[in-house]
mmCIF file of all heavy atoms, coordinates in Angstrom:
data_MODEL
# 
_entry.id   MODEL 
# 
loop_
_atom_site.group_PDB 
_atom_site.id 
_atom_site.type_symbol 
_atom_site.label_atom_id 
_atom_site.label_alt_id 
_atom_site.label_comp_id 
_atom_site.label_asym_id 
_atom_site.label_entity_id 
_atom_site.label_seq_id 
_atom_site.pdbx_PDB_ins_code 
_atom_site.Cartn_x 
_atom_site.Cartn_y 
_atom_site.Cartn_z 
_atom_site.occupancy 
_atom_site.B_iso_or_equiv 
_atom_site.pdbx_formal_charge 
_atom_site.auth_seq_id 
_atom_site.auth_comp_id 
_atom_site.auth_asym_id 
_atom_site.auth_atom_id 
_atom_site.pdbx_PDB_model_num 
ATOM 1   N N   . SER A 1 1  ? -10.743 9.013  -1.115 1.00 0.00 ? 1  SER A N   1 
ATOM 2   C CA  . SER A 1 1  ? -10.408 8.821  0.299  1.00 0.00 ? 1  SER A CA  1 
ATOM 3   C C   . SER A 1 1  ? -9.478  7.639  0.528  1.00 0.00 ? 1  SER A C   1 
ATOM 4   O O   . SER A 1 1  ? -8.762  7.595  1.526  1.00 0.00 ? 1  SER A O   1 
ATOM 5   C CB  . SER A 1 1  ? -11.690 8.632  1.117  1.00 0.00 ? 1  SER A CB  1 
ATOM 6   O OG  . SER A 1 1  ? -12.421 7.505  0.643  1.00 0.00 ? 1  SER A OG  1 
ATOM 7   N N   . GLU A 1 2  ? -9.471  6.670  -0.370 1.00 0.00 ? 2  GLU A N   1 
ATOM 8   C CA  . GLU A 1 2  ? -8.719  5.450  -0.134 1.00 0.00 ? 2  GLU A CA  1 
ATOM 9   C C   . GLU A 1 2  ? -7.445  5.387  -0.971 1.00 0.00 ? 2  GLU A C   1 
ATOM 10  O O   . GLU A 1 2  ? -7.394  5.871  -2.102 1.00 0.00 ? 2  GLU A O   1 
ATOM 11  C CB  . GLU A 1 2  ? -9.587  4.225  -0.445 1.00 0.00 ? 2  GLU A CB  1 
ATOM 12  C CG  . GLU A 1 2  ? -10.810 4.107  0.460  1.00 0.00 ? 2  GLU A CG  1 
ATOM 13  C CD  . GLU A 1 2  ? -11.624 2.869  0.139  1.00 0.00 ? 2  GLU A CD  1 
ATOM 14  O OE1 . GLU A 1 2  ? -11.283 2.169  -0.835 1.00 0.00 ? 2  GLU A OE1 1 
ATOM 15  O OE2 . GLU A 1 2  ? -12.588 2.607  0.869  1.00 0.00 ? 2  GLU A OE2 1 
ATOM 16  N N   . THR A 1 3  ? -6.426  4.773  -0.396 1.00 0.00 ? 3  THR A N   1 
ATOM 17  C CA  . THR A 1 3  ? -5.197  4.510  -1.140 1.00 0.00 ? 3  THR A CA  1 
ATOM 18  C C   . THR A 1 3  ? -5.361  3.210  -1.916 1.00 0.00 ? 3  THR A C   1 
ATOM 19  O O   . THR A 1 3  ? -6.268  2.415  -1.641 1.00 0.00 ? 3  THR A O   1 
ATOM 20  C CB  . THR A 1 3  ? -4.002  4.398  -0.181 1.00 0.00 ? 3  THR A CB  1 
ATOM 21  O OG1 . THR A 1 3  ? -4.271  3.376  0.784  1.00 0.00 ? 3  THR A OG1 1 
ATOM 22  C CG2 . THR A 1 3  ? -3.782  5.711  0.542  1.00 0.00 ? 3  THR A CG2 1 
ATOM 23  N N   . LEU A 1 4  ? -4.492  2.979  -2.884 1.00 0.00 ? 4  LEU A N   1 
ATOM 24  C CA  . LEU A 1 4  ? -4.585  1.757  -3.676 1.00 0.00 ? 4  LEU A CA  1 
ATOM 25  C C   . LEU A 1 4  ? -4.209  0.542  -2.825 1.00 0.00 ? 4  LEU A C   1 
ATOM 26  O O   . LEU A 1 4  ? -3.397  0.627  -1.906 1.00 0.00 ? 4  LEU A O   1 
ATOM 27  C CB  . LEU A 1 4  ? -3.662  1.836  -4.890 1.00 0.00 ? 4  LEU A CB  1 
ATOM 28  C CG  . LEU A 1 4  ? -3.946  2.948  -5.902 1.00 0.00 ? 4  LEU A CG  1 
ATOM 29  C CD1 . LEU A 1 4  ? -3.060  2.767  -7.131 1.00 0.00 ? 4  LEU A CD1 1 
ATOM 30  C CD2 . LEU A 1 4  ? -5.405  2.986  -6.296 1.00 0.00 ? 4  LEU A CD2 1 
ATOM 31  N N   . SER A 1 5  ? -4.779  -0.590 -3.157 1.00 0.00 ? 5  SER A N   1 
ATOM 32  C CA  . SER A 1 5  ? -4.517  -1.816 -2.414 1.00 0.00 ? 5  SER A CA  1 
ATOM 33  C C   . SER A 1 5  ? -3.095  -2.316 -2.672 1.00 0.00 ? 5  SER A C   1 
ATOM 34  O O   . SER A 1 5  ? -2.652  -2.362 -3.825 1.00 0.00 ? 5  SER A O   1 
ATOM 35  C CB  . SER A 1 5  ? -5.507  -2.904 -2.817 1.00 0.00 ? 5  SER A CB  1 
ATOM 36  O OG  . SER A 1 5  ? -5.127  -4.149 -2.273 1.00 0.00 ? 5  SER A OG  1 
ATOM 37  N N   . PRO A 1 6  ? -2.370  -2.709 -1.634 1.00 0.00 ? 6  PRO A N   1 
ATOM 38  C CA  . PRO A 1 6  ? -1.009  -3.218 -1.831 1.00 0.00 ? 6  PRO A CA  1 
ATOM 39  C C   . PRO A 1 6  ? -0.980  -4.531 -2.609 1.00 0.00 ? 6  PRO A C   1 
ATOM 40  O O   . PRO A 1 6  ? 0.045   -4.883 -3.191 1.00 0.00 ? 6  PRO A O   1 
ATOM 41  C CB  . PRO A 1 6  ? -0.492  -3.410 -0.402 1.00 0.00 ? 6  PRO A CB  1 
ATOM 42  C CG  . PRO A 1 6  ? -1.713  -3.519 0.439  1.00 0.00 ? 6  PRO A CG  1 
ATOM 43  C CD  . PRO A 1 6  ? -2.732  -2.645 -0.200 1.00 0.00 ? 6  PRO A CD  1 
ATOM 44  N N   . THR A 1 7  ? -2.093  -5.248 -2.639 1.00 0.00 ? 7  THR A N   1 
ATOM 45  C CA  . THR A 1 7  ? -2.125  -6.548 -3.314 1.00 0.00 ? 7  THR A CA  1 
ATOM 46  C C   . THR A 1 7  ? -2.012  -6.440 -4.830 1.00 0.00 ? 7  THR A C   1 
ATOM 47  O O   . THR A 1 7  ? -1.752  -7.438 -5.499 1.00 0.00 ? 7  THR A O   1 
ATOM 48  C CB  . THR A 1 7  ? -3.411  -7.305 -2.955 1.00 0.00 ? 7  THR A CB  1 
ATOM 49  O OG1 . THR A 1 7  ? -4.548  -6.535 -3.378 1.00 0.00 ? 7  THR A OG1 1 
ATOM 50  C CG2 . THR A 1 7  ? -3.506  -7.532 -1.453 1.00 0.00 ? 7  THR A CG2 1 
ATOM 51  N N   . GLN A 1 8  ? -2.202  -5.247 -5.368 1.00 0.00 ? 8  GLN A N   1 
ATOM 52  C CA  . GLN A 1 8  ? -2.128  -5.112 -6.821 1.00 0.00 ? 8  GLN A CA  1 
ATOM 53  C C   . GLN A 1 8  ? -0.707  -4.878 -7.322 1.00 0.00 ? 8  GLN A C   1 
ATOM 54  O O   . GLN A 1 8  ? -0.480  -4.762 -8.527 1.00 0.00 ? 8  GLN A O   1 
ATOM 55  C CB  . GLN A 1 8  ? -3.044  -3.985 -7.289 1.00 0.00 ? 8  GLN A CB  1 
ATOM 56  C CG  . GLN A 1 8  ? -2.563  -2.580 -6.967 1.00 0.00 ? 8  GLN A CG  1 
ATOM 57  C CD  . GLN A 1 8  ? -3.539  -1.524 -7.463 1.00 0.00 ? 8  GLN A CD  1 
ATOM 58  O OE1 . GLN A 1 8  ? -4.618  -1.336 -6.904 1.00 0.00 ? 8  GLN A OE1 1 
ATOM 59  N NE2 . GLN A 1 8  ? -3.177  -0.849 -8.532 1.00 0.00 ? 8  GLN A NE2 1 
ATOM 60  N N   . PHE A 1 9  ? 0.251   -4.834 -6.406 1.00 0.00 ? 9  PHE A N   1 
ATOM 61  C CA  . PHE A 1 9  ? 1.640   -4.611 -6.782 1.00 0.00 ? 9  PHE A CA  1 
ATOM 62  C C   . PHE A 1 9  ? 2.478   -5.849 -6.499 1.00 0.00 ? 9  PHE A C   1 
ATOM 63  O O   . PHE A 1 9  ? 2.462   -6.381 -5.384 1.00 0.00 ? 9  PHE A O   1 
ATOM 64  C CB  . PHE A 1 9  ? 2.207   -3.412 -6.019 1.00 0.00 ? 9  PHE A CB  1 
ATOM 65  C CG  . PHE A 1 9  ? 1.462   -2.133 -6.279 1.00 0.00 ? 9  PHE A CG  1 
ATOM 66  C CD1 . PHE A 1 9  ? 0.535   -1.665 -5.358 1.00 0.00 ? 9  PHE A CD1 1 
ATOM 67  C CD2 . PHE A 1 9  ? 1.657   -1.415 -7.451 1.00 0.00 ? 9  PHE A CD2 1 
ATOM 68  C CE1 . PHE A 1 9  ? -0.170  -0.497 -5.587 1.00 0.00 ? 9  PHE A CE1 1 
ATOM 69  C CE2 . PHE A 1 9  ? 0.954   -0.241 -7.692 1.00 0.00 ? 9  PHE A CE2 1 
ATOM 70  C CZ  . PHE A 1 9  ? 0.035   0.208  -6.759 1.00 0.00 ? 9  PHE A CZ  1 
ATOM 71  N N   . ALA A 1 10 ? 3.216   -6.298 -7.510 1.00 0.00 ? 10 ALA A N   1 
ATOM 72  C CA  . ALA A 1 10 ? 4.004   -7.517 -7.381 1.00 0.00 ? 10 ALA A CA  1 
ATOM 73  C C   . ALA A 1 10 ? 5.355   -7.270 -6.714 1.00 0.00 ? 10 ALA A C   1 
ATOM 74  O O   . ALA A 1 10 ? 5.889   -8.140 -6.023 1.00 0.00 ? 10 ALA A O   1 
ATOM 75  C CB  . ALA A 1 10 ? 4.218   -8.143 -8.765 1.00 0.00 ? 10 ALA A CB  1 
ATOM 76  N N   . GLU A 1 11 ? 5.934   -6.082 -6.927 1.00 0.00 ? 11 GLU A N   1 
ATOM 77  C CA  . GLU A 1 11 ? 7.250   -5.783 -6.370 1.00 0.00 ? 11 GLU A CA  1 
ATOM 78  C C   . GLU A 1 11 ? 7.143   -5.571 -4.862 1.00 0.00 ? 11 GLU A C   1 
ATOM 79  O O   . GLU A 1 11 ? 6.308   -4.822 -4.379 1.00 0.00 ? 11 GLU A O   1 
ATOM 80  C CB  . GLU A 1 11 ? 7.807   -4.523 -7.041 1.00 0.00 ? 11 GLU A CB  1 
ATOM 81  C CG  . GLU A 1 11 ? 9.323   -4.422 -7.002 1.00 0.00 ? 11 GLU A CG  1 
ATOM 82  C CD  . GLU A 1 11 ? 9.817   -3.903 -5.661 1.00 0.00 ? 11 GLU A CD  1 
ATOM 83  O OE1 . GLU A 1 11 ? 9.247   -2.934 -5.150 1.00 0.00 ? 11 GLU A OE1 1 
ATOM 84  O OE2 . GLU A 1 11 ? 10.778  -4.481 -5.129 1.00 0.00 ? 11 GLU A OE2 1 
ATOM 85  N N   . GLY A 1 12 ? 7.975   -6.263 -4.107 1.00 0.00 ? 12 GLY A N   1 
ATOM 86  C CA  . GLY A 1 12 ? 7.854   -6.301 -2.653 1.00 0.00 ? 12 GLY A CA  1 
ATOM 87  C C   . GLY A 1 12 ? 7.906   -4.961 -1.968 1.00 0.00 ? 12 GLY A C   1 
ATOM 88  O O   . GLY A 1 12 ? 7.082   -4.657 -1.096 1.00 0.00 ? 12 GLY A O   1 
ATOM 89  N N   . ARG A 1 13 ? 8.878   -4.120 -2.328 1.00 0.00 ? 13 ARG A N   1 
ATOM 90  C CA  . ARG A 1 13 ? 9.008   -2.831 -1.652 1.00 0.00 ? 13 ARG A CA  1 
ATOM 91  C C   . ARG A 1 13 ? 7.812   -1.929 -1.938 1.00 0.00 ? 13 ARG A C   1 
ATOM 92  O O   . ARG A 1 13 ? 7.330   -1.213 -1.057 1.00 0.00 ? 13 ARG A O   1 
ATOM 93  C CB  . ARG A 1 13 ? 10.296  -2.136 -2.095 1.00 0.00 ? 13 ARG A CB  1 
ATOM 94  C CG  . ARG A 1 13 ? 10.576  -0.878 -1.292 1.00 0.00 ? 13 ARG A CG  1 
ATOM 95  C CD  . ARG A 1 13 ? 11.775  -0.104 -1.794 1.00 0.00 ? 13 ARG A CD  1 
ATOM 96  N NE  . ARG A 1 13 ? 12.033  1.051  -0.954 1.00 0.00 ? 13 ARG A NE  1 
ATOM 97  C CZ  . ARG A 1 13 ? 12.836  2.058  -1.280 1.00 0.00 ? 13 ARG A CZ  1 
ATOM 98  N NH1 . ARG A 1 13 ? 13.489  2.017  -2.446 1.00 0.00 ? 13 ARG A NH1 1 
ATOM 99  N NH2 . ARG A 1 13 ? 12.988  3.078  -0.465 1.00 0.00 ? 13 ARG A NH2 1 
ATOM 100 N N   . VAL A 1 14 ? 7.341   -1.964 -3.162 1.00 0.00 ? 14 VAL A N   1 
ATOM 101 C CA  . VAL A 1 14 ? 6.186   -1.150 -3.535 1.00 0.00 ? 14 VAL A CA  1 
ATOM 102 C C   . VAL A 1 14 ? 4.942   -1.597 -2.768 1.00 0.00 ? 14 VAL A C   1 
ATOM 103 O O   . VAL A 1 14 ? 4.210   -0.780 -2.190 1.00 0.00 ? 14 VAL A O   1 
ATOM 104 C CB  . VAL A 1 14 ? 5.933   -1.224 -5.053 1.00 0.00 ? 14 VAL A CB  1 
ATOM 105 C CG1 . VAL A 1 14 ? 4.634   -0.515 -5.421 1.00 0.00 ? 14 VAL A CG1 1 
ATOM 106 C CG2 . VAL A 1 14 ? 7.104   -0.607 -5.816 1.00 0.00 ? 14 VAL A CG2 1 
ATOM 107 N N   . ALA A 1 15 ? 4.702   -2.902 -2.743 1.00 0.00 ? 15 ALA A N   1 
ATOM 108 C CA  . ALA A 1 15 ? 3.540   -3.434 -2.018 1.00 0.00 ? 15 ALA A CA  1 
ATOM 109 C C   . ALA A 1 15 ? 3.613   -3.069 -0.537 1.00 0.00 ? 15 ALA A C   1 
ATOM 110 O O   . ALA A 1 15 ? 2.597   -2.721 0.082  1.00 0.00 ? 15 ALA A O   1 
ATOM 111 C CB  . ALA A 1 15 ? 3.463   -4.944 -2.187 1.00 0.00 ? 15 ALA A CB  1 
ATOM 112 N N   . ASN A 1 16 ? 4.806   -3.126 0.029  1.00 0.00 ? 16 ASN A N   1 
ATOM 113 C CA  . ASN A 1 16 ? 4.960   -2.801 1.448  1.00 0.00 ? 16 ASN A CA  1 
ATOM 114 C C   . ASN A 1 16 ? 4.642   -1.334 1.712  1.00 0.00 ? 16 ASN A C   1 
ATOM 115 O O   . ASN A 1 16 ? 4.012   -0.996 2.718  1.00 0.00 ? 16 ASN A O   1 
ATOM 116 C CB  . ASN A 1 16 ? 6.390   -3.106 1.893  1.00 0.00 ? 16 ASN A CB  1 
ATOM 117 C CG  . ASN A 1 16 ? 6.602   -2.805 3.368  1.00 0.00 ? 16 ASN A CG  1 
ATOM 118 O OD1 . ASN A 1 16 ? 5.938   -3.376 4.236  1.00 0.00 ? 16 ASN A OD1 1 
ATOM 119 N ND2 . ASN A 1 16 ? 7.518   -1.909 3.672  1.00 0.00 ? 16 ASN A ND2 1 
ATOM 120 N N   . ALA A 1 17 ? 5.067   -0.449 0.811  1.00 0.00 ? 17 ALA A N   1 
ATOM 121 C CA  . ALA A 1 17 ? 4.800   0.981  0.992  1.00 0.00 ? 17 ALA A CA  1 
ATOM 122 C C   . ALA A 1 17 ? 3.306   1.274  0.910  1.00 0.00 ? 17 ALA A C   1 
ATOM 123 O O   . ALA A 1 17 ? 2.778   2.071  1.690  1.00 0.00 ? 17 ALA A O   1 
ATOM 124 C CB  . ALA A 1 17 ? 5.558   1.787  -0.052 1.00 0.00 ? 17 ALA A CB  1 
ATOM 125 N N   . TYR A 1 18 ? 2.620   0.614  -0.019 1.00 0.00 ? 18 TYR A N   1 
ATOM 126 C CA  . TYR A 1 18 ? 1.174   0.814  -0.107 1.00 0.00 ? 18 TYR A CA  1 
ATOM 127 C C   . TYR A 1 18 ? 0.460   0.216  1.106  1.00 0.00 ? 18 TYR A C   1 
ATOM 128 O O   . TYR A 1 18 ? -0.602  0.693  1.507  1.00 0.00 ? 18 TYR A O   1 
ATOM 129 C CB  . TYR A 1 18 ? 0.633   0.240  -1.418 1.00 0.00 ? 18 TYR A CB  1 
ATOM 130 C CG  . TYR A 1 18 ? 0.793   1.203  -2.582 1.00 0.00 ? 18 TYR A CG  1 
ATOM 131 C CD1 . TYR A 1 18 ? 1.971   1.238  -3.323 1.00 0.00 ? 18 TYR A CD1 1 
ATOM 132 C CD2 . TYR A 1 18 ? -0.217  2.090  -2.919 1.00 0.00 ? 18 TYR A CD2 1 
ATOM 133 C CE1 . TYR A 1 18 ? 2.138   2.121  -4.373 1.00 0.00 ? 18 TYR A CE1 1 
ATOM 134 C CE2 . TYR A 1 18 ? -0.072  2.977  -3.975 1.00 0.00 ? 18 TYR A CE2 1 
ATOM 135 C CZ  . TYR A 1 18 ? 1.117   2.995  -4.691 1.00 0.00 ? 18 TYR A CZ  1 
ATOM 136 O OH  . TYR A 1 18 ? 1.269   3.885  -5.725 1.00 0.00 ? 18 TYR A OH  1 
ATOM 137 N N   . ARG A 1 19 ? 1.038   -0.822 1.688  1.00 0.00 ? 19 ARG A N   1 
ATOM 138 C CA  . ARG A 1 19 ? 0.494   -1.360 2.952  1.00 0.00 ? 19 ARG A CA  1 
ATOM 139 C C   . ARG A 1 19 ? 0.609   -0.320 4.057  1.00 0.00 ? 19 ARG A C   1 
ATOM 140 O O   . ARG A 1 19 ? -0.332  -0.111 4.830  1.00 0.00 ? 19 ARG A O   1 
ATOM 141 C CB  . ARG A 1 19 ? 1.266   -2.622 3.364  1.00 0.00 ? 19 ARG A CB  1 
ATOM 142 C CG  . ARG A 1 19 ? 0.869   -3.137 4.759  1.00 0.00 ? 19 ARG A CG  1 
ATOM 143 C CD  . ARG A 1 19 ? 1.880   -4.124 5.307  1.00 0.00 ? 19 ARG A CD  1 
ATOM 144 N NE  . ARG A 1 19 ? 3.224   -3.556 5.453  1.00 0.00 ? 19 ARG A NE  1 
ATOM 145 C CZ  . ARG A 1 19 ? 3.583   -2.756 6.458  1.00 0.00 ? 19 ARG A CZ  1 
ATOM 146 N NH1 . ARG A 1 19 ? 2.704   -2.399 7.399  1.00 0.00 ? 19 ARG A NH1 1 
ATOM 147 N NH2 . ARG A 1 19 ? 4.823   -2.294 6.523  1.00 0.00 ? 19 ARG A NH2 1 
ATOM 148 N N   . ILE A 1 20 ? 1.747   0.354  4.125  1.00 0.00 ? 20 ILE A N   1 
ATOM 149 C CA  . ILE A 1 20 ? 1.952   1.396  5.126  1.00 0.00 ? 20 ILE A CA  1 
ATOM 150 C C   . ILE A 1 20 ? 0.898   2.491  4.963  1.00 0.00 ? 20 ILE A C   1 
ATOM 151 O O   . ILE A 1 20 ? 0.282   2.949  5.931  1.00 0.00 ? 20 ILE A O   1 
ATOM 152 C CB  . ILE A 1 20 ? 3.366   1.994  5.002  1.00 0.00 ? 20 ILE A CB  1 
ATOM 153 C CG1 . ILE A 1 20 ? 4.423   0.938  5.337  1.00 0.00 ? 20 ILE A CG1 1 
ATOM 154 C CG2 . ILE A 1 20 ? 3.519   3.213  5.916  1.00 0.00 ? 20 ILE A CG2 1 
ATOM 155 C CD1 . ILE A 1 20 ? 5.844   1.388  5.025  1.00 0.00 ? 20 ILE A CD1 1 
ATOM 156 N N   . ALA A 1 21 ? 0.689   2.907  3.716  1.00 0.00 ? 21 ALA A N   1 
ATOM 157 C CA  . ALA A 1 21 ? -0.287  3.969  3.455  1.00 0.00 ? 21 ALA A CA  1 
ATOM 158 C C   . ALA A 1 21 ? -1.693  3.549  3.868  1.00 0.00 ? 21 ALA A C   1 
ATOM 159 O O   . ALA A 1 21 ? -2.460  4.349  4.412  1.00 0.00 ? 21 ALA A O   1 
ATOM 160 C CB  . ALA A 1 21 ? -0.265  4.338  1.973  1.00 0.00 ? 21 ALA A CB  1 
ATOM 161 N N   . ALA A 1 22 ? -2.032  2.281  3.629  1.00 0.00 ? 22 ALA A N   1 
ATOM 162 C CA  . ALA A 1 22 ? -3.361  1.795  3.987  1.00 0.00 ? 22 ALA A CA  1 
ATOM 163 C C   . ALA A 1 22 ? -3.535  1.692  5.495  1.00 0.00 ? 22 ALA A C   1 
ATOM 164 O O   . ALA A 1 22 ? -4.636  1.919  6.021  1.00 0.00 ? 22 ALA A O   1 
ATOM 165 C CB  . ALA A 1 22 ? -3.603  0.433  3.336  1.00 0.00 ? 22 ALA A CB  1 
ATOM 166 N N   . GLN A 1 23 ? -2.470  1.379  6.207  1.00 0.00 ? 23 GLN A N   1 
ATOM 167 C CA  . GLN A 1 23 ? -2.557  1.170  7.647  1.00 0.00 ? 23 GLN A CA  1 
ATOM 168 C C   . GLN A 1 23 ? -2.402  2.447  8.464  1.00 0.00 ? 23 GLN A C   1 
ATOM 169 O O   . GLN A 1 23 ? -2.912  2.533  9.576  1.00 0.00 ? 23 GLN A O   1 
ATOM 170 C CB  . GLN A 1 23 ? -1.502  0.146  8.090  1.00 0.00 ? 23 GLN A CB  1 
ATOM 171 C CG  . GLN A 1 23 ? -1.773  -1.265 7.580  1.00 0.00 ? 23 GLN A CG  1 
ATOM 172 C CD  . GLN A 1 23 ? -0.718  -2.253 8.037  1.00 0.00 ? 23 GLN A CD  1 
ATOM 173 O OE1 . GLN A 1 23 ? 0.320   -1.880 8.588  1.00 0.00 ? 23 GLN A OE1 1 
ATOM 174 N NE2 . GLN A 1 23 ? -0.970  -3.541 7.795  1.00 0.00 ? 23 GLN A NE2 1 
ATOM 175 N N   . MET A 1 24 ? -1.689  3.443  7.931  1.00 0.00 ? 24 MET A N   1 
ATOM 176 C CA  . MET A 1 24 ? -1.495  4.671  8.695  1.00 0.00 ? 24 MET A CA  1 
ATOM 177 C C   . MET A 1 24 ? -1.672  5.919  7.810  1.00 0.00 ? 24 MET A C   1 
ATOM 178 O O   . MET A 1 24 ? -0.763  6.739  7.671  1.00 0.00 ? 24 MET A O   1 
ATOM 179 C CB  . MET A 1 24 ? -0.122  4.688  9.382  1.00 0.00 ? 24 MET A CB  1 
ATOM 180 C CG  . MET A 1 24 ? 1.022   4.264  8.501  1.00 0.00 ? 24 MET A CG  1 
ATOM 181 S SD  . MET A 1 24 ? 2.674   4.190  9.340  1.00 0.00 ? 24 MET A SD  1 
ATOM 182 C CE  . MET A 1 24 ? 2.324   4.224  11.058 1.00 0.00 ? 24 MET A CE  1 
ATOM 183 N N   . PRO A 1 25 ? -2.855  6.062  7.195  1.00 0.00 ? 25 PRO A N   1 
ATOM 184 C CA  . PRO A 1 25 ? -3.073  7.203  6.293  1.00 0.00 ? 25 PRO A CA  1 
ATOM 185 C C   . PRO A 1 25 ? -2.963  8.554  6.992  1.00 0.00 ? 25 PRO A C   1 
ATOM 186 O O   . PRO A 1 25 ? -2.457  9.513  6.416  1.00 0.00 ? 25 PRO A O   1 
ATOM 187 C CB  . PRO A 1 25 ? -4.486  6.967  5.757  1.00 0.00 ? 25 PRO A CB  1 
ATOM 188 C CG  . PRO A 1 25 ? -5.143  6.092  6.785  1.00 0.00 ? 25 PRO A CG  1 
ATOM 189 C CD  . PRO A 1 25 ? -4.054  5.199  7.278  1.00 0.00 ? 25 PRO A CD  1 
ATOM 190 N N   . ARG A 1 26 ? -3.452  8.655  8.228  1.00 0.00 ? 26 ARG A N   1 
ATOM 191 C CA  . ARG A 1 26 ? -3.400  9.944  8.936  1.00 0.00 ? 26 ARG A CA  1 
ATOM 192 C C   . ARG A 1 26 ? -1.971  10.371 9.213  1.00 0.00 ? 26 ARG A C   1 
ATOM 193 O O   . ARG A 1 26 ? -1.680  11.563 9.297  1.00 0.00 ? 26 ARG A O   1 
ATOM 194 C CB  . ARG A 1 26 ? -4.195  9.866  10.234 1.00 0.00 ? 26 ARG A CB  1 
ATOM 195 C CG  . ARG A 1 26 ? -5.673  9.555  10.078 1.00 0.00 ? 26 ARG A CG  1 
ATOM 196 C CD  . ARG A 1 26 ? -6.468  10.714 9.492  1.00 0.00 ? 26 ARG A CD  1 
ATOM 197 N NE  . ARG A 1 26 ? -6.270  10.913 8.055  1.00 0.00 ? 26 ARG A NE  1 
ATOM 198 C CZ  . ARG A 1 26 ? -6.887  10.211 7.109  1.00 0.00 ? 26 ARG A CZ  1 
ATOM 199 N NH1 . ARG A 1 26 ? -7.727  9.244  7.452  1.00 0.00 ? 26 ARG A NH1 1 
ATOM 200 N NH2 . ARG A 1 26 ? -6.667  10.452 5.840  1.00 0.00 ? 26 ARG A NH2 1 
# 
């Protein structure tokens, strides 16, 4: 049910994309 945490990615663009997924999964 959960996406991966953005904090585990060092590259900025990748971390930002995972943040988007965590904040707006629907």
